[in-house]
Amino acid sequence: MEAVMNDRSLPDKLVSLPRQKIVTTPTPLEPAERLSSRLGIRLLLKRDDLGGLGCGGNKLRKLEFILGKALGQGVDTLLTTGGPQSNHARLTAALAARMGFRCELYLKGEPRADVTGNLLLDRLFDADVAFLGEQPYDQIHMALDRRADELRAAGRRPCVIPLGGATPEGTLGYVLAFHEMLEQCATLGIKPDWVVVAGGTGSTAAGLAVGAGLWSPGTRIASISVSWSRETLEAEIRRHVESAASVIGVDAPAEGTFCVFDEYIGPGYSRPSDSGGAALRLMARQEGVLLDMTYTAKAVAGLIDLARQGVIAADSSVVFVHTGGTPELFARDPSVLLA
């Protein structure tokens, strides 16, 4: 068959960027044989939920580059934000523990009496956790900047990490991930037609899209939104694509490299959907793989529906990027998971 990539080399600027190795790579690329048979496609699971530190997840690849940059500035304190069950906050706390840094998490929402799931792990990793109510994230980010100023005045060296690690450097983690995944596909004689991923801030999909543009034109990145409208998420992915491509001096990928589907959000961000619950149970019972109700279950629900509609054509080779998040299952009502 035609080679998956004519040139597998990494851009010099990407290789030379400071990076703190965190992820246990390569993460597995596993065939989902029973689910493939049901859907009529060749489905593989890129298991970034098995990345190692702090129960794994996609944010680790972003934190490698974010921390690499911050270490050059002598950082000793990490500050970030997210929802009460934020995977990004949990992994930032785990990373701070490993590095011997302080970690302060400023989470959206109200304090809860039950400390479960990711929130339990935040505390196990010894992060300081505060809740800032239901204010928008732009205001929370301003609060983080004010707190960073206070810490600097006290002689600390803070690093503010935005929601989801969605920085140009963070996005580059998934340019590298695409390269890693494509190398694994090449050993199987596969060129992926689709790469499917949950869409939150859009940074992960953006990194994958830059990678597709560099090494696998024709591979489409499908971002299954879990919160934002298609128009909003498309604009955010494009913004992240352009900023990440600029950092490493490459062209942004062609139009059509990525697409967004917003039909699977359900009742709203972090709120379970019926199709997501069905996808979670199907994946567990067909493949023994756990999803989470906020991100990956909704993304798999989208993948299943797109295959059944023929948007993802029969016999296509599809990689689902498992971005982690399973600790939040243990904060859910069992009746929701087992419905």
Protein backbone atom coordinates (compact mmCIF):
# COMPACT_ATOMS: atom_id res chain seq x y z
CA MET A 1 0.00 0.00 0.00
CA GLU A 2 1.00 3.65 -0.30
CA ALA A 3 3.27 4.80 2.51
CA VAL A 4 1.43 6.51 5.33
CA MET A 5 3.93 9.38 5.34
CA ASN A 6 6.43 10.39 2.70
CA ASP A 7 8.49 12.28 5.30
CA ARG A 8 8.20 11.31 8.95
CA SER A 9 10.67 13.92 10.18
CA LEU A 10 9.65 16.33 12.91
CA PRO A 11 10.02 20.08 12.36
CA ASP A 12 13.29 21.34 13.84
CA LYS A 13 11.52 23.99 15.92
CA LEU A 14 9.26 21.36 17.47
CA VAL A 15 12.21 19.16 18.42
CA SER A 16 14.12 22.09 19.92
CA LEU A 17 11.33 23.41 22.17
CA PRO A 18 11.84 22.88 25.92
CA ARG A 19 9.83 19.90 27.13
CA GLN A 20 9.59 18.07 30.45
CA LYS A 21 8.99 14.38 29.76
CA ILE A 22 5.92 13.21 31.63
CA VAL A 23 3.94 10.83 29.43
CA THR A 24 4.81 7.15 29.20
CA THR A 25 5.04 6.87 25.42
CA PRO A 26 4.08 5.49 23.08
CA THR A 27 0.63 5.02 24.54
CA PRO A 28 -1.03 1.85 23.22
CA LEU A 29 -2.93 1.76 19.94
CA GLU A 30 -5.41 -1.07 20.43
CA PRO A 31 -7.86 -2.64 17.98
CA ALA A 32 -11.47 -2.54 19.15
CA GLU A 33 -12.42 -5.70 17.31
CA ARG A 34 -15.89 -6.37 18.68
CA LEU A 35 -17.04 -2.78 18.35
CA SER A 36 -15.48 -2.59 14.87
CA SER A 37 -17.59 -5.57 13.82
CA ARG A 38 -20.77 -3.93 15.08
CA LEU A 39 -20.05 -0.65 13.29
CA GLY A 40 -18.59 -1.99 10.05
CA ILE A 41 -15.37 0.01 10.39
CA ARG A 42 -11.81 -0.70 11.51
CA LEU A 43 -11.67 1.04 14.89
CA LEU A 44 -8.50 1.52 16.93
CA LEU A 45 -8.24 3.13 20.35
CA LYS A 46 -5.31 5.47 21.05
CA ARG A 47 -5.08 4.95 24.80
CA ASP A 48 -3.91 8.31 26.09
CA ASP A 49 -5.85 7.46 29.23
CA LEU A 50 -2.91 5.13 29.98
CA GLY A 51 -0.25 7.83 29.91
CA GLY A 52 1.03 7.16 33.42
CA LEU A 53 1.07 10.05 35.88
CA GLY A 54 -2.06 10.86 37.89
CA CYS A 55 -4.35 8.31 36.16
CA GLY A 56 -3.40 9.57 32.70
CA GLY A 57 -5.17 11.69 30.14
CA ASN A 58 -4.58 14.03 27.23
CA LYS A 59 -3.56 17.00 29.38
CA LEU A 60 -0.25 15.34 30.20
CA ARG A 61 1.03 15.80 26.65
CA LYS A 62 0.17 19.50 26.86
CA LEU A 63 1.76 19.90 30.27
CA GLU A 64 5.05 18.52 28.95
CA PHE A 65 5.52 21.61 26.78
CA ILE A 66 3.89 24.07 29.18
CA LEU A 67 6.13 22.96 32.04
CA GLY A 68 9.17 22.80 29.78
CA LYS A 69 8.74 26.50 29.06
CA ALA A 70 7.96 27.34 32.69
CA LEU A 71 11.01 25.56 34.09
CA GLY A 72 13.23 28.02 32.25
CA GLN A 73 11.57 30.74 34.35
CA GLY A 74 12.27 28.96 37.64
CA VAL A 75 8.64 28.15 38.41
CA ASP A 76 7.75 26.74 41.85
CA THR A 77 3.94 27.05 41.92
CA LEU A 78 1.29 25.93 39.40
CA LEU A 79 -2.10 27.65 39.20
CA THR A 80 -4.97 26.57 37.00
CA THR A 81 -8.73 26.25 36.74
CA GLY A 82 -11.50 23.94 35.56
CA GLY A 83 -14.76 22.44 36.75
CA PRO A 84 -15.12 20.51 40.02
CA GLN A 85 -14.28 17.26 38.19
CA SER A 86 -11.60 18.77 35.95
CA ASN A 87 -9.18 16.24 34.49
CA HIS A 88 -6.75 19.04 33.71
CA ALA A 89 -6.77 20.24 37.32
CA ARG A 90 -6.18 16.70 38.57
CA LEU A 91 -3.19 16.18 36.28
CA THR A 92 -1.73 19.59 37.08
CA ALA A 93 -1.93 18.66 40.76
CA ALA A 94 -0.26 15.30 40.10
CA LEU A 95 2.51 16.97 38.12
CA ALA A 96 3.10 19.53 40.87
CA ALA A 97 3.40 16.69 43.38
CA ARG A 98 6.00 14.93 41.23
CA MET A 99 8.02 18.13 40.72
CA GLY A 100 7.83 19.23 44.35
CA PHE A 101 5.84 22.37 43.47
CA ARG A 102 2.89 23.97 45.17
CA CYS A 103 -0.39 23.72 43.29
CA GLU A 104 -3.43 25.96 43.62
CA LEU A 105 -6.67 25.03 41.86
CA TYR A 106 -9.40 27.63 41.41
CA LEU A 107 -12.41 25.67 40.30
CA LYS A 108 -15.69 26.84 38.83
CA GLY A 109 -18.78 26.06 40.90
CA GLU A 110 -19.64 25.74 44.55
CA PRO A 111 -17.92 23.67 47.27
CA ARG A 112 -19.29 20.15 47.61
CA ALA A 113 -19.70 18.06 50.72
CA ASP A 114 -18.75 14.89 48.82
CA VAL A 115 -15.08 14.74 47.85
CA THR A 116 -15.09 12.09 45.13
CA GLY A 117 -13.61 11.36 41.71
CA ASN A 118 -11.10 13.90 40.42
CA LEU A 119 -11.71 16.19 43.38
CA LEU A 120 -10.62 13.43 45.76
CA LEU A 121 -7.43 12.97 43.72
CA ASP A 122 -6.76 16.72 43.73
CA ARG A 123 -6.66 16.59 47.51
CA LEU A 124 -4.61 13.39 47.58
CA PHE A 125 -2.03 15.19 45.43
CA ASP A 126 -2.01 17.94 48.10
CA ALA A 127 -3.35 20.75 45.92
CA ASP A 128 -4.95 23.78 47.52
CA VAL A 129 -8.51 23.84 46.16
CA ALA A 130 -10.83 26.86 46.10
CA PHE A 131 -14.21 27.28 44.42
CA LEU A 132 -15.05 30.56 42.67
CA GLY A 133 -18.73 30.10 41.97
CA GLU A 134 -20.48 30.21 38.61
CA GLN A 135 -18.55 33.11 37.12
CA PRO A 136 -17.29 32.89 33.52
CA TYR A 137 -13.80 31.59 32.87
CA ASP A 138 -12.49 34.92 31.63
CA GLN A 139 -13.15 36.32 35.10
CA ILE A 140 -11.60 33.25 36.73
CA HIS A 141 -8.49 33.72 34.60
CA MET A 142 -8.28 37.33 35.79
CA ALA A 143 -8.49 36.04 39.38
CA LEU A 144 -5.64 33.64 38.62
CA ASP A 145 -3.52 36.51 37.30
CA ARG A 146 -4.20 38.53 40.46
CA ARG A 147 -3.25 35.57 42.62
CA ALA A 148 -0.05 35.13 40.61
CA ASP A 149 0.83 38.78 41.29
CA GLU A 150 0.33 38.17 45.02
CA LEU A 151 2.59 35.13 44.91
CA ARG A 152 5.32 37.04 43.05
CA ALA A 153 5.14 39.80 45.65
CA ALA A 154 5.69 37.12 48.29
CA GLY A 155 8.76 35.81 46.48
CA ARG A 156 7.15 32.83 44.76
CA ARG A 157 7.48 32.01 41.04
CA PRO A 158 4.02 31.03 39.79
CA CYS A 159 2.98 29.66 36.41
CA VAL A 160 -0.64 30.28 35.40
CA ILE A 161 -1.94 27.50 33.15
CA PRO A 162 -5.17 28.39 31.33
CA LEU A 163 -8.26 26.23 31.15
CA GLY A 164 -7.44 22.83 29.67
CA GLY A 165 -3.80 23.69 29.05
CA ALA A 166 -4.94 25.33 25.82
CA THR A 167 -1.77 27.26 24.97
CA PRO A 168 0.21 27.21 21.70
CA GLU A 169 2.87 25.10 23.42
CA GLY A 170 0.25 22.78 24.91
CA THR A 171 -1.33 22.24 21.51
CA LEU A 172 2.02 21.02 20.20
CA GLY A 173 1.73 17.99 22.47
CA TYR A 174 -0.88 16.64 20.06
CA VAL A 175 1.18 17.38 16.99
CA LEU A 176 3.69 14.94 18.47
CA ALA A 177 0.87 12.57 19.44
CA PHE A 178 -0.36 12.47 15.85
CA HIS A 179 3.15 11.60 14.67
CA GLU A 180 3.38 8.83 17.28
CA MET A 181 -0.05 7.46 16.31
CA LEU A 182 0.78 7.51 12.61
CA GLU A 183 4.00 5.58 13.19
CA GLN A 184 1.97 2.94 15.03
CA CYS A 185 -0.60 2.83 12.22
CA ALA A 186 2.19 2.41 9.67
CA THR A 187 3.39 -0.75 11.41
CA LEU A 188 -0.14 -2.14 10.91
CA GLY A 189 -0.28 -1.06 7.27
CA ILE A 190 -3.02 1.47 8.01
CA LYS A 191 -3.57 5.06 6.97
CA PRO A 192 -6.36 6.43 9.17
CA ASP A 193 -9.29 7.93 7.32
CA TRP A 194 -10.61 9.56 10.49
CA VAL A 195 -9.28 10.50 13.90
CA VAL A 196 -12.09 11.16 16.38
CA VAL A 197 -11.66 13.05 19.65
CA ALA A 198 -13.80 14.79 22.26
CA GLY A 199 -13.86 18.57 21.86
CA GLY A 200 -13.60 20.83 24.91
CA THR A 201 -11.33 23.83 24.39
CA GLY A 202 -10.33 22.52 20.94
CA SER A 203 -6.58 22.42 21.58
CA THR A 204 -6.23 18.63 21.26
CA ALA A 205 -8.08 18.54 17.94
CA ALA A 206 -5.97 21.48 16.75
CA GLY A 207 -2.72 19.65 17.45
CA LEU A 208 -4.02 16.57 15.65
CA ALA A 209 -5.05 18.73 12.69
CA VAL A 210 -1.59 20.30 12.44
CA GLY A 211 -0.13 16.79 12.50
CA ALA A 212 -2.49 15.61 9.78
CA GLY A 213 -1.53 18.59 7.65
CA LEU A 214 2.16 17.79 8.04
CA TRP A 215 2.14 14.02 7.55
CA SER A 216 -1.22 12.63 6.45
CA PRO A 217 -3.26 14.82 4.11
CA GLY A 218 -6.60 13.13 3.65
CA THR A 219 -6.94 12.08 7.28
CA ARG A 220 -9.84 14.03 8.77
CA ILE A 221 -10.02 15.07 12.42
CA ALA A 222 -13.53 14.89 13.88
CA SER A 223 -14.01 16.88 17.07
CA ILE A 224 -17.18 15.86 18.95
CA SER A 225 -18.13 18.91 20.98
CA VAL A 226 -19.09 18.37 24.60
CA SER A 227 -20.11 21.96 25.33
CA TRP A 228 -19.68 24.62 22.63
CA SER A 229 -21.60 25.17 19.43
CA ARG A 230 -20.05 24.02 16.18
CA GLU A 231 -19.32 27.59 15.12
CA THR A 232 -17.62 28.48 18.42
CA LEU A 233 -15.53 25.31 18.61
CA GLU A 234 -14.51 25.54 14.95
CA ALA A 235 -13.25 29.07 15.54
CA GLU A 236 -11.33 28.00 18.64
CA ILE A 237 -9.73 25.03 16.88
CA ARG A 238 -8.70 27.25 13.99
CA ARG A 239 -7.20 29.76 16.43
CA HIS A 240 -5.20 27.03 18.19
CA VAL A 241 -4.13 25.56 14.84
CA GLU A 242 -2.77 28.86 13.62
CA SER A 243 -0.96 29.72 16.86
CA ALA A 244 0.64 26.27 17.19
CA ALA A 245 1.68 26.16 13.52
CA SER A 246 3.24 29.60 13.90
CA VAL A 247 5.34 28.52 16.91
CA ILE A 248 7.00 25.73 14.92
CA GLY A 249 7.10 27.58 11.60
CA VAL A 250 4.82 25.36 9.51
CA ASP A 251 1.76 26.07 7.40
CA ALA A 252 -1.67 25.61 8.92
CA PRO A 253 -3.46 22.57 7.48
CA ALA A 254 -5.86 22.89 4.58
CA GLU A 255 -9.50 23.73 5.12
CA GLY A 256 -11.48 20.56 5.73
CA THR A 257 -8.73 18.83 7.71
CA PHE A 258 -10.93 19.07 10.81
CA CYS A 259 -14.66 19.20 11.32
CA VAL A 260 -16.85 19.69 14.39
CA PHE A 261 -20.06 17.93 15.36
CA ASP A 262 -22.19 19.49 18.10
CA GLU A 263 -25.20 17.17 18.01
CA TYR A 264 -24.03 15.03 20.93
CA ILE A 265 -23.72 17.59 23.74
CA GLY A 266 -26.99 16.48 25.31
CA PRO A 267 -28.27 18.52 28.29
CA GLY A 268 -24.99 20.44 28.60
CA TYR A 269 -21.38 20.30 29.68
CA SER A 270 -20.66 17.55 32.25
CA ARG A 271 -24.35 16.58 32.26
CA PRO A 272 -24.91 12.98 31.14
CA SER A 273 -26.62 12.32 27.83
CA ASP A 274 -28.64 9.22 26.98
CA SER A 275 -26.48 8.45 23.94
CA GLY A 276 -23.32 9.00 25.97
CA GLY A 277 -24.51 6.61 28.65
CA ALA A 278 -25.32 4.00 26.01
CA ALA A 279 -21.87 4.46 24.44
CA LEU A 280 -20.16 4.12 27.83
CA ARG A 281 -21.95 0.83 28.54
CA LEU A 282 -21.33 -0.48 25.02
CA MET A 283 -17.59 0.24 25.20
CA ALA A 284 -17.37 -1.34 28.66
CA ARG A 285 -19.29 -4.45 27.66
CA GLN A 286 -17.77 -4.92 24.21
CA GLU A 287 -14.15 -3.89 24.85
CA GLY A 288 -13.64 -3.72 28.62
CA VAL A 289 -12.60 -0.06 28.25
CA LEU A 290 -13.96 2.68 30.50
CA LEU A 291 -15.05 6.08 29.27
CA ASP A 292 -16.18 9.15 31.22
CA MET A 293 -19.57 10.83 30.99
CA THR A 294 -18.28 14.37 30.37
CA TYR A 295 -16.00 13.85 27.37
CA THR A 296 -15.23 10.44 25.96
CA ALA A 297 -18.68 8.84 26.26
CA LYS A 298 -20.22 11.68 24.26
CA ALA A 299 -17.39 11.47 21.72
CA VAL A 300 -17.90 7.73 21.25
CA ALA A 301 -21.65 8.31 20.96
CA GLY A 302 -20.85 10.69 18.11
CA LEU A 303 -18.47 8.23 16.48
CA ILE A 304 -21.09 5.45 16.63
CA ASP A 305 -23.79 7.66 15.14
CA LEU A 306 -21.54 9.02 12.38
CA ALA A 307 -20.62 5.45 11.40
CA ARG A 308 -24.25 4.37 11.39
CA GLN A 309 -25.23 7.39 9.27
CA GLY A 310 -22.44 6.68 6.78
CA VAL A 311 -20.67 9.97 7.43
CA ILE A 312 -17.81 7.71 8.45
CA ALA A 313 -18.00 5.28 5.54
CA ALA A 314 -18.09 1.51 5.92
CA ASP A 315 -14.66 -0.10 6.11
CA SER A 316 -12.99 3.19 7.08
CA SER A 317 -9.97 3.08 9.36
CA VAL A 318 -10.79 5.17 12.42
CA VAL A 319 -8.66 6.07 15.43
CA PHE A 320 -10.46 7.19 18.55
CA VAL A 321 -8.18 9.21 20.82
CA HIS A 322 -9.11 8.25 24.38
CA THR A 323 -8.38 11.42 26.33
CA GLY A 324 -8.95 9.91 29.77
CA GLY A 325 -11.24 11.17 32.51
CA THR A 326 -12.42 7.91 34.04
CA PRO A 327 -11.88 9.04 37.68
CA GLU A 328 -15.04 11.13 37.34
CA LEU A 329 -17.06 7.91 37.00
CA PHE A 330 -16.61 7.44 40.73
CA ALA A 331 -18.36 10.75 41.39
CA ARG A 332 -21.44 9.69 39.40
CA ASP A 333 -24.71 8.20 40.60
CA PRO A 334 -24.53 4.47 39.73
CA SER A 335 -28.11 4.58 38.48
CA VAL A 336 -27.00 6.98 35.73
CA LEU A 337 -24.13 4.73 34.64
CA LEU A 338 -26.14 1.54 34.72
CA ALA A 339 -29.44 2.82 33.30
